[in-house]
Amino acid sequence: MAEVTPRERVWSAIRHRAPDRVPYHFTCTLPARRKLEAYFGTTDLDAALGNHLAIYSVRRAAGLQEVRPGFWRDEFGVVWNRTIDQDIGVVDDYLLKSRSLQPISFPDPHHQRRYDRLPSFIAANRDRFRVVSVGYSLFERAWSLRGMAELLVDMLEAPHWVDELFDAITAFQLSTIEHIVQYDIDAVLLGDDWGHQRGLLMGPRLWRRFIKPRVARMYGAVKAAGKAVFIHSCGKVQELLPELVELGVDVFNPFQPEVMDLGETKRRFGHQLAFYGGMSVQSVLPFGTPQQVRAEARRLMDEIGQGGGYIIGPSHDMPGDIPLANMVAFIESVCEA
């Protein structure tokens, strides 16, 4: 009998069939990555760890230009200060200082530099589940241009301006999706943080007014092409899960135990949604012992992974303050299962 590939294993989990083992994917920040690369003696952590997902980031492929030490400009012209946070950074200066799109011009969503490495990425990952990540898919791109506080006020004071901004971003992302689904990939990951630790940043009414109809178009475009829809949204957003199911989402990430009961959420939605994440980067990984980390990993695989519908991983990219012994305990306990 042929060995089950990671790609087949993930598809089984997404289709809510119990795979031969729980699929997994480990992600980490740059400081944590350096620790793991030194420990495993390689810079190819995906291969060393046997990660089941292969992720191609359109945003990264578009490129960042270092405009001065530690400050990087993205394809929209937003400059990110990465002098402290090397992975994402913070916006140095918001481009939309008034309620007008005139100060900026959107990049070309079909520019070949965004996709020129996709064919080789696909060829190198035939046995892995191939995901193309479209980060900053709507709300995050809007606030990175306008400012978080300004955008939230705009939603109340100038809804027609927010419609204009969001429609422009949606059109850009739909063009991106139209391009990437032509490739031999399995899924599109749309990243857009809507929550904080206590609820939705904009509240459910404004989410439904501004965000839901537009992400519905994005998800629909992915589904129409026969690809799976992965979404990433940090925070306490579980009140949206019924609507995300309605919109055709297949996999929800990051599945944070600090903001939702993982067992109850899997029981309620596990027949319709698959979940990816679950291992706490806020409590167990940074503050537990290696033995506690191993026990939690086993529990997640045994309980949440039962019957499929689960990809185990950290509840977000593992930060650098997690003890190396705990990261290794997590990785080994999952890989040896």
C-alpha atoms as a PDB file:
ATOM      1  CA  MET A   1       0.000   0.000   0.000  1.00  0.00           C
ATOM      2  CA  ALA A   2       1.313   3.437  -0.959  1.00  0.00           C
ATOM      3  CA  GLU A   3       2.295   5.722   1.892  1.00  0.00           C
ATOM      4  CA  VAL A   4      -0.177   8.505   2.648  1.00  0.00           C
ATOM      5  CA  THR A   5       1.230  11.878   1.633  1.00  0.00           C
ATOM      6  CA  PRO A   6       0.911  15.013   3.756  1.00  0.00           C
ATOM      7  CA  ARG A   7      -1.298  16.487   1.019  1.00  0.00           C
ATOM      8  CA  GLU A   8      -3.694  13.541   1.170  1.00  0.00           C
ATOM      9  CA  ARG A   9      -3.695  13.701   4.953  1.00  0.00           C
ATOM     10  CA  VAL A  10      -4.698  17.378   4.998  1.00  0.00           C
ATOM     11  CA  TRP A  11      -7.427  16.824   2.421  1.00  0.00           C
ATOM     12  CA  SER A  12      -8.841  14.001   4.578  1.00  0.00           C
ATOM     13  CA  ALA A  13      -8.887  16.265   7.628  1.00  0.00           C
ATOM     14  CA  ILE A  14     -10.569  19.097   5.702  1.00  0.00           C
ATOM     15  CA  ARG A  15     -13.183  16.690   4.392  1.00  0.00           C
ATOM     16  CA  HIS A  16     -13.871  15.561   7.962  1.00  0.00           C
ATOM     17  CA  ARG A  17     -12.568  12.075   7.467  1.00  0.00           C
ATOM     18  CA  ALA A  18     -10.145  10.715  10.062  1.00  0.00           C
ATOM     19  CA  PRO A  19      -6.661  10.599   8.499  1.00  0.00           C
ATOM     20  CA  ASP A  20      -4.077   8.008   9.485  1.00  0.00           C
ATOM     21  CA  ARG A  21      -2.630  10.667  11.799  1.00  0.00           C
ATOM     22  CA  VAL A  22      -3.347  14.282  12.643  1.00  0.00           C
ATOM     23  CA  PRO A  23      -1.703  16.576  10.070  1.00  0.00           C
ATOM     24  CA  TYR A  24       0.496  19.336  11.443  1.00  0.00           C
ATOM     25  CA  HIS A  25       2.224  22.554  10.539  1.00  0.00           C
ATOM     26  CA  PHE A  26       4.702  24.487  12.685  1.00  0.00           C
ATOM     27  CA  THR A  27       5.231  28.208  12.134  1.00  0.00           C
ATOM     28  CA  CYS A  28       7.476  30.580  14.026  1.00  0.00           C
ATOM     29  CA  THR A  29       8.757  34.134  14.115  1.00  0.00           C
ATOM     30  CA  LEU A  30      12.260  34.967  12.936  1.00  0.00           C
ATOM     31  CA  PRO A  31      13.818  34.837  16.448  1.00  0.00           C
ATOM     32  CA  ALA A  32      12.260  31.412  17.094  1.00  0.00           C
ATOM     33  CA  ARG A  33      13.238  30.219  13.631  1.00  0.00           C
ATOM     34  CA  ARG A  34      16.888  31.039  14.306  1.00  0.00           C
ATOM     35  CA  LYS A  35      16.787  28.903  17.460  1.00  0.00           C
ATOM     36  CA  LEU A  36      15.221  25.973  15.613  1.00  0.00           C
ATOM     37  CA  GLU A  37      17.551  26.254  12.633  1.00  0.00           C
ATOM     38  CA  ALA A  38      20.537  26.096  14.964  1.00  0.00           C
ATOM     39  CA  TYR A  39      19.049  23.127  16.842  1.00  0.00           C
ATOM     40  CA  PHE A  40      18.150  21.084  13.741  1.00  0.00           C
ATOM     41  CA  GLY A  41      21.191  22.231  11.778  1.00  0.00           C
ATOM     42  CA  THR A  42      19.281  23.382   8.716  1.00  0.00           C
ATOM     43  CA  THR A  43      17.571  26.435   7.265  1.00  0.00           C
ATOM     44  CA  ASP A  44      14.943  24.225   5.568  1.00  0.00           C
ATOM     45  CA  LEU A  45      12.697  23.747   8.571  1.00  0.00           C
ATOM     46  CA  ASP A  46       9.704  22.675   6.499  1.00  0.00           C
ATOM     47  CA  ALA A  47      11.601  19.629   5.291  1.00  0.00           C
ATOM     48  CA  ALA A  48      13.251  18.936   8.640  1.00  0.00           C
ATOM     49  CA  LEU A  49       9.957  19.044  10.525  1.00  0.00           C
ATOM     50  CA  GLY A  50       7.850  17.382   7.857  1.00  0.00           C
ATOM     51  CA  ASN A  51       5.381  20.276   7.730  1.00  0.00           C
ATOM     52  CA  HIS A  52       2.207  19.273   5.908  1.00  0.00           C
ATOM     53  CA  LEU A  53       1.425  22.664   4.390  1.00  0.00           C
ATOM     54  CA  ALA A  54       3.541  24.450   1.808  1.00  0.00           C
ATOM     55  CA  ILE A  55       2.702  28.166   1.903  1.00  0.00           C
ATOM     56  CA  TYR A  56       3.493  30.710  -0.810  1.00  0.00           C
ATOM     57  CA  SER A  57       2.962  34.328   0.240  1.00  0.00           C
ATOM     58  CA  VAL A  58       1.938  36.687  -2.567  1.00  0.00           C
ATOM     59  CA  ARG A  59       2.715  39.654  -0.315  1.00  0.00           C
ATOM     60  CA  ARG A  60       6.260  38.461   0.304  1.00  0.00           C
ATOM     61  CA  ALA A  61       6.742  37.583  -3.340  1.00  0.00           C
ATOM     62  CA  ALA A  62       5.757  41.138  -4.298  1.00  0.00           C
ATOM     63  CA  GLY A  63       8.814  42.230  -2.377  1.00  0.00           C
ATOM     64  CA  LEU A  64       9.741  44.773   0.256  1.00  0.00           C
ATOM     65  CA  GLN A  65      12.214  47.580  -0.314  1.00  0.00           C
ATOM     66  CA  GLU A  66      14.424  48.715   2.560  1.00  0.00           C
ATOM     67  CA  VAL A  67      14.197  52.507   2.465  1.00  0.00           C
ATOM     68  CA  ARG A  68      16.456  53.011   5.479  1.00  0.00           C
ATOM     69  CA  PRO A  69      17.869  50.585   8.066  1.00  0.00           C
ATOM     70  CA  GLY A  70      15.021  48.551   9.534  1.00  0.00           C
ATOM     71  CA  PHE A  71      12.258  50.316   7.548  1.00  0.00           C
ATOM     72  CA  TRP A  72      10.675  48.469   4.632  1.00  0.00           C
ATOM     73  CA  ARG A  73       8.196  49.662   1.983  1.00  0.00           C
ATOM     74  CA  ASP A  74       5.590  47.213   0.671  1.00  0.00           C
ATOM     75  CA  GLU A  75       3.986  47.170  -2.775  1.00  0.00           C
ATOM     76  CA  PHE A  76       1.260  49.612  -1.669  1.00  0.00           C
ATOM     77  CA  GLY A  77       3.849  52.131  -0.544  1.00  0.00           C
ATOM     78  CA  VAL A  78       3.315  51.521   3.179  1.00  0.00           C
ATOM     79  CA  VAL A  79       6.559  51.735   5.167  1.00  0.00           C
ATOM     80  CA  TRP A  80       6.878  49.258   8.036  1.00  0.00           C
ATOM     81  CA  ASN A  81       9.197  49.878  10.985  1.00  0.00           C
ATOM     82  CA  ARG A  82      10.817  46.510  11.724  1.00  0.00           C
ATOM     83  CA  THR A  83      13.477  47.702  14.106  1.00  0.00           C
ATOM     84  CA  ILE A  84      11.784  45.861  16.989  1.00  0.00           C
ATOM     85  CA  ASP A  85       9.379  43.384  15.376  1.00  0.00           C
ATOM     86  CA  GLN A  86      11.358  41.820  12.528  1.00  0.00           C
ATOM     87  CA  ASP A  87       8.449  39.792  11.161  1.00  0.00           C
ATOM     88  CA  ILE A  88       5.748  42.391  10.502  1.00  0.00           C
ATOM     89  CA  GLY A  89       6.611  45.685  12.132  1.00  0.00           C
ATOM     90  CA  VAL A  90       4.422  48.718  12.673  1.00  0.00           C
ATOM     91  CA  VAL A  91       3.302  51.275  10.113  1.00  0.00           C
ATOM     92  CA  ASP A  92       5.693  54.223  10.084  1.00  0.00           C
ATOM     93  CA  ASP A  93       3.257  56.716   8.530  1.00  0.00           C
ATOM     94  CA  TYR A  94      -0.270  56.235   7.188  1.00  0.00           C
ATOM     95  CA  LEU A  95      -0.687  57.254   3.564  1.00  0.00           C
ATOM     96  CA  LEU A  96      -4.399  58.125   3.571  1.00  0.00           C
ATOM     97  CA  LYS A  97      -4.528  61.157   5.829  1.00  0.00           C
ATOM     98  CA  SER A  98      -7.954  62.203   4.547  1.00  0.00           C
ATOM     99  CA  ARG A  99     -11.003  60.390   3.232  1.00  0.00           C
ATOM    100  CA  SER A 100      -9.709  60.117  -0.305  1.00  0.00           C
ATOM    101  CA  LEU A 101      -7.861  57.522  -2.380  1.00  0.00           C
ATOM    102  CA  GLN A 102      -6.110  60.165  -4.447  1.00  0.00           C
ATOM    103  CA  PRO A 103      -2.764  60.119  -2.565  1.00  0.00           C
ATOM    104  CA  ILE A 104      -2.082  56.507  -3.606  1.00  0.00           C
ATOM    105  CA  SER A 105      -2.212  54.231  -6.620  1.00  0.00           C
ATOM    106  CA  PHE A 106      -2.776  50.534  -6.163  1.00  0.00           C
ATOM    107  CA  PRO A 107      -0.125  48.123  -7.452  1.00  0.00           C
ATOM    108  CA  ASP A 108      -0.782  45.880 -10.426  1.00  0.00           C
ATOM    109  CA  PRO A 109      -2.394  42.697  -9.082  1.00  0.00           C
ATOM    110  CA  HIS A 110      -1.196  40.787 -12.149  1.00  0.00           C
ATOM    111  CA  HIS A 111       2.450  41.876 -11.978  1.00  0.00           C
ATOM    112  CA  GLN A 112       4.459  38.769 -12.687  1.00  0.00           C
ATOM    113  CA  ARG A 113       6.902  39.282  -9.803  1.00  0.00           C
ATOM    114  CA  ARG A 114       4.049  38.314  -7.455  1.00  0.00           C
ATOM    115  CA  TYR A 115       3.752  34.889  -9.098  1.00  0.00           C
ATOM    116  CA  ASP A 116       6.988  34.124 -10.920  1.00  0.00           C
ATOM    117  CA  ARG A 117       8.145  31.639  -8.276  1.00  0.00           C
ATOM    118  CA  LEU A 118       4.807  29.824  -8.051  1.00  0.00           C
ATOM    119  CA  PRO A 119       5.603  27.166 -10.698  1.00  0.00           C
ATOM    120  CA  SER A 120       8.833  26.144  -8.966  1.00  0.00           C
ATOM    121  CA  PHE A 121       7.056  26.247  -5.586  1.00  0.00           C
ATOM    122  CA  ILE A 122       4.419  23.843  -6.906  1.00  0.00           C
ATOM    123  CA  ALA A 123       6.984  21.541  -8.482  1.00  0.00           C
ATOM    124  CA  ALA A 124       8.959  21.361  -5.225  1.00  0.00           C
ATOM    125  CA  ASN A 125       5.911  20.527  -3.104  1.00  0.00           C
ATOM    126  CA  ARG A 126       4.008  17.857  -5.002  1.00  0.00           C
ATOM    127  CA  ASP A 127       3.362  15.777  -1.863  1.00  0.00           C
ATOM    128  CA  ARG A 128       2.461  18.682   0.410  1.00  0.00           C
ATOM    129  CA  PHE A 129      -0.786  20.634   0.664  1.00  0.00           C
ATOM    130  CA  ARG A 130      -0.130  23.771  -1.392  1.00  0.00           C
ATOM    131  CA  VAL A 131      -1.520  27.040  -0.026  1.00  0.00           C
ATOM    132  CA  VAL A 132      -1.194  30.528  -1.474  1.00  0.00           C
ATOM    133  CA  SER A 133      -1.448  33.196   1.209  1.00  0.00           C
ATOM    134  CA  VAL A 134      -3.131  36.524   0.440  1.00  0.00           C
ATOM    135  CA  GLY A 135      -2.301  38.549   3.523  1.00  0.00           C
ATOM    136  CA  TYR A 136      -3.865  41.856   4.512  1.00  0.00           C
ATOM    137  CA  SER A 137      -6.879  40.811   2.491  1.00  0.00           C
ATOM    138  CA  LEU A 138      -9.311  43.615   3.419  1.00  0.00           C
ATOM    139  CA  PHE A 139      -9.606  45.210   6.881  1.00  0.00           C
ATOM    140  CA  GLU A 140      -5.886  44.954   7.575  1.00  0.00           C
ATOM    141  CA  ARG A 141      -4.948  46.494   4.243  1.00  0.00           C
ATOM    142  CA  ALA A 142      -7.461  49.298   4.856  1.00  0.00           C
ATOM    143  CA  TRP A 143      -6.103  50.209   8.289  1.00  0.00           C
ATOM    144  CA  SER A 144      -2.497  49.906   7.123  1.00  0.00           C
ATOM    145  CA  LEU A 145      -3.310  52.673   4.649  1.00  0.00           C
ATOM    146  CA  ARG A 146      -5.656  54.785   6.774  1.00  0.00           C
ATOM    147  CA  GLY A 147      -4.837  53.997  10.422  1.00  0.00           C
ATOM    148  CA  MET A 148      -6.794  51.760  12.778  1.00  0.00           C
ATOM    149  CA  ALA A 149      -8.458  54.497  14.863  1.00  0.00           C
ATOM    150  CA  GLU A 150      -9.242  56.600  11.800  1.00  0.00           C
ATOM    151  CA  LEU A 151     -10.778  53.652   9.952  1.00  0.00           C
ATOM    152  CA  LEU A 152     -13.016  52.668  12.868  1.00  0.00           C
ATOM    153  CA  VAL A 153     -14.237  56.263  13.171  1.00  0.00           C
ATOM    154  CA  ASP A 154     -14.764  56.354   9.396  1.00  0.00           C
ATOM    155  CA  MET A 155     -17.060  53.337   9.655  1.00  0.00           C
ATOM    156  CA  LEU A 156     -19.379  55.413  11.818  1.00  0.00           C
ATOM    157  CA  GLU A 157     -18.944  58.862  10.333  1.00  0.00           C
ATOM    158  CA  ALA A 158     -18.247  58.233   6.647  1.00  0.00           C
ATOM    159  CA  PRO A 159     -19.570  54.831   5.583  1.00  0.00           C
ATOM    160  CA  HIS A 160     -19.610  55.742   1.875  1.00  0.00           C
ATOM    161  CA  TRP A 161     -15.882  56.530   2.026  1.00  0.00           C
ATOM    162  CA  VAL A 162     -15.228  53.176   3.704  1.00  0.00           C
ATOM    163  CA  ASP A 163     -17.246  51.519   0.934  1.00  0.00           C
ATOM    164  CA  GLU A 164     -15.015  53.200  -1.648  1.00  0.00           C
ATOM    165  CA  LEU A 165     -11.822  52.117   0.109  1.00  0.00           C
ATOM    166  CA  PHE A 166     -13.010  48.554   0.746  1.00  0.00           C
ATOM    167  CA  ASP A 167     -14.348  48.173  -2.797  1.00  0.00           C
ATOM    168  CA  ALA A 168     -10.979  49.176  -4.222  1.00  0.00           C
ATOM    169  CA  ILE A 169      -9.176  46.655  -2.007  1.00  0.00           C
ATOM    170  CA  THR A 170     -11.727  43.959  -2.848  1.00  0.00           C
ATOM    171  CA  ALA A 171     -11.285  44.515  -6.576  1.00  0.00           C
ATOM    172  CA  PHE A 172      -7.511  44.241  -6.149  1.00  0.00           C
ATOM    173  CA  GLN A 173      -7.795  41.007  -4.160  1.00  0.00           C
ATOM    174  CA  LEU A 174     -10.312  39.460  -6.549  1.00  0.00           C
ATOM    175  CA  SER A 175      -7.835  40.074  -9.378  1.00  0.00           C
ATOM    176  CA  THR A 176      -5.133  38.425  -7.269  1.00  0.00           C
ATOM    177  CA  ILE A 177      -7.371  35.428  -6.560  1.00  0.00           C
ATOM    178  CA  GLU A 178      -8.352  35.183 -10.238  1.00  0.00           C
ATOM    179  CA  HIS A 179      -4.658  34.883 -11.074  1.00  0.00           C
ATOM    180  CA  ILE A 180      -3.521  32.408  -8.411  1.00  0.00           C
ATOM    181  CA  VAL A 181      -6.386  29.898  -8.729  1.00  0.00           C
ATOM    182  CA  GLN A 182      -5.206  29.147 -12.264  1.00  0.00           C
ATOM    183  CA  TYR A 183      -2.227  27.351 -10.726  1.00  0.00           C
ATOM    184  CA  ASP A 184      -2.164  23.803  -9.369  1.00  0.00           C
ATOM    185  CA  ILE A 185      -2.682  24.715  -5.730  1.00  0.00           C
ATOM    186  CA  ASP A 186      -4.983  23.303  -3.071  1.00  0.00           C
ATOM    187  CA  ALA A 187      -6.103  26.334  -1.095  1.00  0.00           C
ATOM    188  CA  VAL A 188      -6.027  30.090  -0.706  1.00  0.00           C
ATOM    189  CA  LEU A 189      -5.363  31.547   2.744  1.00  0.00           C
ATOM    190  CA  LEU A 190      -6.932  34.955   3.333  1.00  0.00           C
ATOM    191  CA  GLY A 191      -5.502  36.732   6.362  1.00  0.00           C
ATOM    192  CA  ASP A 192      -7.474  39.497   8.046  1.00  0.00           C
ATOM    193  CA  ASP A 193      -7.429  39.996  11.832  1.00  0.00           C
ATOM    194  CA  TRP A 194     -10.872  41.125  13.011  1.00  0.00           C
ATOM    195  CA  GLY A 195     -10.611  40.491  16.740  1.00  0.00           C
ATOM    196  CA  HIS A 196      -8.903  41.242  20.011  1.00  0.00           C
ATOM    197  CA  GLN A 197      -8.902  39.089  23.123  1.00  0.00           C
ATOM    198  CA  ARG A 198     -12.448  40.104  24.111  1.00  0.00           C
ATOM    199  CA  GLY A 199     -14.318  40.366  20.837  1.00  0.00           C
ATOM    200  CA  LEU A 200     -14.534  41.970  17.416  1.00  0.00           C
ATOM    201  CA  LEU A 201     -12.616  45.190  16.856  1.00  0.00           C
ATOM    202  CA  MET A 202     -15.469  46.759  14.904  1.00  0.00           C
ATOM    203  CA  GLY A 203     -18.337  44.765  16.453  1.00  0.00           C
ATOM    204  CA  PRO A 204     -20.664  42.375  14.607  1.00  0.00           C
ATOM    205  CA  ARG A 205     -22.926  45.038  13.066  1.00  0.00           C
ATOM    206  CA  LEU A 206     -20.094  46.837  11.309  1.00  0.00           C
ATOM    207  CA  TRP A 207     -18.436  43.545  10.349  1.00  0.00           C
ATOM    208  CA  ARG A 208     -21.629  42.516   8.591  1.00  0.00           C
ATOM    209  CA  ARG A 209     -22.029  45.936   6.994  1.00  0.00           C
ATOM    210  CA  PHE A 210     -18.521  46.382   5.622  1.00  0.00           C
ATOM    211  CA  ILE A 211     -16.607  43.111   5.684  1.00  0.00           C
ATOM    212  CA  LYS A 212     -18.964  40.185   5.213  1.00  0.00           C
ATOM    213  CA  PRO A 213     -20.279  41.019   1.720  1.00  0.00           C
ATOM    214  CA  ARG A 214     -16.774  41.622   0.409  1.00  0.00           C
ATOM    215  CA  VAL A 215     -15.091  38.562   1.865  1.00  0.00           C
ATOM    216  CA  ALA A 216     -18.081  36.586   0.558  1.00  0.00           C
ATOM    217  CA  ARG A 217     -16.982  37.551  -2.953  1.00  0.00           C
ATOM    218  CA  MET A 218     -13.376  36.570  -2.245  1.00  0.00           C
ATOM    219  CA  TYR A 219     -14.282  33.222  -0.704  1.00  0.00           C
ATOM    220  CA  GLY A 220     -16.760  32.574  -3.505  1.00  0.00           C
ATOM    221  CA  ALA A 221     -14.077  33.147  -6.135  1.00  0.00           C
ATOM    222  CA  VAL A 222     -11.812  30.612  -4.431  1.00  0.00           C
ATOM    223  CA  LYS A 223     -14.586  28.042  -4.078  1.00  0.00           C
ATOM    224  CA  ALA A 224     -15.711  28.511  -7.679  1.00  0.00           C
ATOM    225  CA  ALA A 225     -12.215  27.484  -8.757  1.00  0.00           C
ATOM    226  CA  GLY A 226     -12.404  24.282  -6.710  1.00  0.00           C
ATOM    227  CA  LYS A 227      -9.873  25.362  -4.085  1.00  0.00           C
ATOM    228  CA  ALA A 228     -10.246  25.252  -0.300  1.00  0.00           C
ATOM    229  CA  VAL A 229     -10.709  28.465   1.657  1.00  0.00           C
ATOM    230  CA  PHE A 230      -8.419  28.970   4.649  1.00  0.00           C
ATOM    231  CA  ILE A 231      -8.868  32.103   6.733  1.00  0.00           C
ATOM    232  CA  HIS A 232      -6.754  33.589   9.493  1.00  0.00           C
ATOM    233  CA  SER A 233      -8.253  35.955  12.036  1.00  0.00           C
ATOM    234  CA  CYS A 234      -6.757  36.452  15.463  1.00  0.00           C
ATOM    235  CA  GLY A 235      -8.930  37.235  18.444  1.00  0.00           C
ATOM    236  CA  LYS A 236     -12.280  36.309  19.888  1.00  0.00           C
ATOM    237  CA  VAL A 237     -14.270  36.010  16.674  1.00  0.00           C
ATOM    238  CA  GLN A 238     -16.174  32.775  17.258  1.00  0.00           C
ATOM    239  CA  GLU A 239     -19.537  34.555  17.058  1.00  0.00           C
ATOM    240  CA  LEU A 240     -18.821  34.761  13.335  1.00  0.00           C
ATOM    241  CA  LEU A 241     -18.253  31.024  12.845  1.00  0.00           C
ATOM    242  CA  PRO A 242     -21.834  30.274  11.700  1.00  0.00           C
ATOM    243  CA  GLU A 243     -21.537  32.999   9.073  1.00  0.00           C
ATOM    244  CA  LEU A 244     -18.096  31.828   7.993  1.00  0.00           C
ATOM    245  CA  VAL A 245     -19.560  28.378   7.437  1.00  0.00           C
ATOM    246  CA  GLU A 246     -22.340  30.005   5.411  1.00  0.00           C
ATOM    247  CA  LEU A 247     -19.698  31.785   3.305  1.00  0.00           C
ATOM    248  CA  GLY A 248     -17.905  28.535   2.485  1.00  0.00           C
ATOM    249  CA  VAL A 249     -14.830  28.701   4.719  1.00  0.00           C
ATOM    250  CA  ASP A 250     -13.128  25.313   4.984  1.00  0.00           C
ATOM    251  CA  VAL A 251     -10.366  25.940   7.550  1.00  0.00           C
ATOM    252  CA  PHE A 252     -10.227  28.461  10.386  1.00  0.00           C
ATOM    253  CA  ASN A 253      -6.940  29.563  11.923  1.00  0.00           C
ATOM    254  CA  PRO A 254      -5.404  30.295  14.464  1.00  0.00           C
ATOM    255  CA  PHE A 255      -7.793  28.504  16.898  1.00  0.00           C
ATOM    256  CA  GLN A 256      -6.685  30.247  20.093  1.00  0.00           C
ATOM    257  CA  PRO A 257      -7.438  28.540  23.435  1.00  0.00           C
ATOM    258  CA  GLU A 258      -7.262  31.887  25.278  1.00  0.00           C
ATOM    259  CA  VAL A 259     -10.340  33.191  23.484  1.00  0.00           C
ATOM    260  CA  MET A 260     -12.397  30.090  22.710  1.00  0.00           C
ATOM    261  CA  ASP A 261     -13.099  26.680  24.187  1.00  0.00           C
ATOM    262  CA  LEU A 262     -11.425  24.420  21.653  1.00  0.00           C
ATOM    263  CA  GLY A 263     -13.398  21.302  22.555  1.00  0.00           C
ATOM    264  CA  GLU A 264     -16.771  23.033  22.518  1.00  0.00           C
ATOM    265  CA  THR A 265     -15.951  24.864  19.286  1.00  0.00           C
ATOM    266  CA  LYS A 266     -14.942  21.594  17.602  1.00  0.00           C
ATOM    267  CA  ARG A 267     -18.117  19.883  18.852  1.00  0.00           C
ATOM    268  CA  ARG A 268     -20.335  22.682  17.531  1.00  0.00           C
ATOM    269  CA  PHE A 269     -18.660  23.359  14.209  1.00  0.00           C
ATOM    270  CA  GLY A 270     -16.297  20.449  13.555  1.00  0.00           C
ATOM    271  CA  HIS A 271     -18.659  18.815  11.059  1.00  0.00           C
ATOM    272  CA  GLN A 272     -18.608  21.983   8.922  1.00  0.00           C
ATOM    273  CA  LEU A 273     -15.265  23.663   9.642  1.00  0.00           C
ATOM    274  CA  ALA A 274     -11.764  22.342  10.063  1.00  0.00           C
ATOM    275  CA  PHE A 275      -9.473  24.065  12.550  1.00  0.00           C
ATOM    276  CA  TYR A 276      -5.759  24.767  12.339  1.00  0.00           C
ATOM    277  CA  GLY A 277      -3.673  25.765  15.367  1.00  0.00           C
ATOM    278  CA  GLY A 278      -4.601  25.164  18.986  1.00  0.00           C
ATOM    279  CA  MET A 279      -1.313  24.950  20.909  1.00  0.00           C
ATOM    280  CA  SER A 280      -1.157  28.078  23.048  1.00  0.00           C
ATOM    281  CA  VAL A 281       1.683  30.513  22.411  1.00  0.00           C
ATOM    282  CA  GLN A 282       0.448  32.592  25.364  1.00  0.00           C
ATOM    283  CA  SER A 283       0.506  30.010  28.147  1.00  0.00           C
ATOM    284  CA  VAL A 284       1.550  26.402  27.575  1.00  0.00           C
ATOM    285  CA  LEU A 285       4.454  26.928  25.183  1.00  0.00           C
ATOM    286  CA  PRO A 286       6.131  29.890  26.937  1.00  0.00           C
ATOM    287  CA  PHE A 287       5.353  28.972  30.547  1.00  0.00           C
ATOM    288  CA  GLY A 288       4.792  25.218  30.696  1.00  0.00           C
ATOM    289  CA  THR A 289       7.378  22.509  31.188  1.00  0.00           C
ATOM    290  CA  PRO A 290       8.396  20.266  28.288  1.00  0.00           C
ATOM    291  CA  GLN A 291       6.332  17.509  29.917  1.00  0.00           C
ATOM    292  CA  GLN A 292       3.267  19.763  30.012  1.00  0.00           C
ATOM    293  CA  VAL A 293       3.807  20.746  26.394  1.00  0.00           C
ATOM    294  CA  ARG A 294       3.950  17.087  25.373  1.00  0.00           C
ATOM    295  CA  ALA A 295       0.812  16.271  27.342  1.00  0.00           C
ATOM    296  CA  GLU A 296      -1.102  19.159  25.760  1.00  0.00           C
ATOM    297  CA  ALA A 297       0.021  18.167  22.275  1.00  0.00           C
ATOM    298  CA  ARG A 298      -1.193  14.606  22.856  1.00  0.00           C
ATOM    299  CA  ARG A 299      -4.504  15.868  24.240  1.00  0.00           C
ATOM    300  CA  LEU A 300      -5.094  18.117  21.240  1.00  0.00           C
ATOM    301  CA  MET A 301      -4.350  15.327  18.791  1.00  0.00           C
ATOM    302  CA  ASP A 302      -6.495  12.790  20.680  1.00  0.00           C
ATOM    303  CA  GLU A 303      -9.471  15.023  21.447  1.00  0.00           C
ATOM    304  CA  ILE A 304      -9.592  17.792  18.846  1.00  0.00           C
ATOM    305  CA  GLY A 305      -8.168  15.592  16.107  1.00  0.00           C
ATOM    306  CA  GLN A 306     -10.752  12.852  16.582  1.00  0.00           C
ATOM    307  CA  GLY A 307     -12.714  12.279  13.405  1.00  0.00           C
ATOM    308  CA  GLY A 308     -10.655  14.681  11.292  1.00  0.00           C
ATOM    309  CA  GLY A 309     -11.262  18.406  10.946  1.00  0.00           C
ATOM    310  CA  TYR A 310      -8.005  19.418  12.609  1.00  0.00           C
ATOM    311  CA  ILE A 311      -4.466  20.469  11.694  1.00  0.00           C
ATOM    312  CA  ILE A 312      -2.369  20.847  14.822  1.00  0.00           C
ATOM    313  CA  GLY A 313      -0.007  23.789  15.086  1.00  0.00           C
ATOM    314  CA  PRO A 314       0.816  26.710  17.361  1.00  0.00           C
ATOM    315  CA  SER A 315      -2.006  29.188  17.981  1.00  0.00           C
ATOM    316  CA  HIS A 316       0.152  31.737  16.152  1.00  0.00           C
ATOM    317  CA  ASP A 317       3.734  31.877  14.900  1.00  0.00           C
ATOM    318  CA  MET A 318       5.877  30.774  17.837  1.00  0.00           C
ATOM    319  CA  PRO A 319       7.634  33.839  19.285  1.00  0.00           C
ATOM    320  CA  GLY A 320      11.261  33.913  20.267  1.00  0.00           C
ATOM    321  CA  ASP A 321      10.648  33.960  24.012  1.00  0.00           C
ATOM    322  CA  ILE A 322       9.414  30.354  24.013  1.00  0.00           C
ATOM    323  CA  PRO A 323      12.119  28.136  25.532  1.00  0.00           C
ATOM    324  CA  LEU A 324      13.821  26.007  22.905  1.00  0.00           C
ATOM    325  CA  ALA A 325      13.138  22.885  24.981  1.00  0.00           C
ATOM    326  CA  ASN A 326       9.413  23.569  24.798  1.00  0.00           C
ATOM    327  CA  MET A 327       9.418  24.126  21.041  1.00  0.00           C
ATOM    328  CA  VAL A 328      11.351  20.908  20.573  1.00  0.00           C
ATOM    329  CA  ALA A 329       9.001  19.026  22.921  1.00  0.00           C
ATOM    330  CA  PHE A 330       6.022  20.244  20.903  1.00  0.00           C
ATOM    331  CA  ILE A 331       7.590  19.301  17.592  1.00  0.00           C
ATOM    332  CA  GLU A 332       8.785  15.896  18.743  1.00  0.00           C
ATOM    333  CA  SER A 333       5.519  14.940  20.420  1.00  0.00           C
ATOM    334  CA  VAL A 334       3.578  15.718  17.234  1.00  0.00           C
ATOM    335  CA  CYS A 335       6.049  14.201  14.796  1.00  0.00           C
ATOM    336  CA  GLU A 336       6.401  11.010  16.822  1.00  0.00           C
ATOM    337  CA  ALA A 337       2.645  10.475  17.224  1.00  0.00           C
END
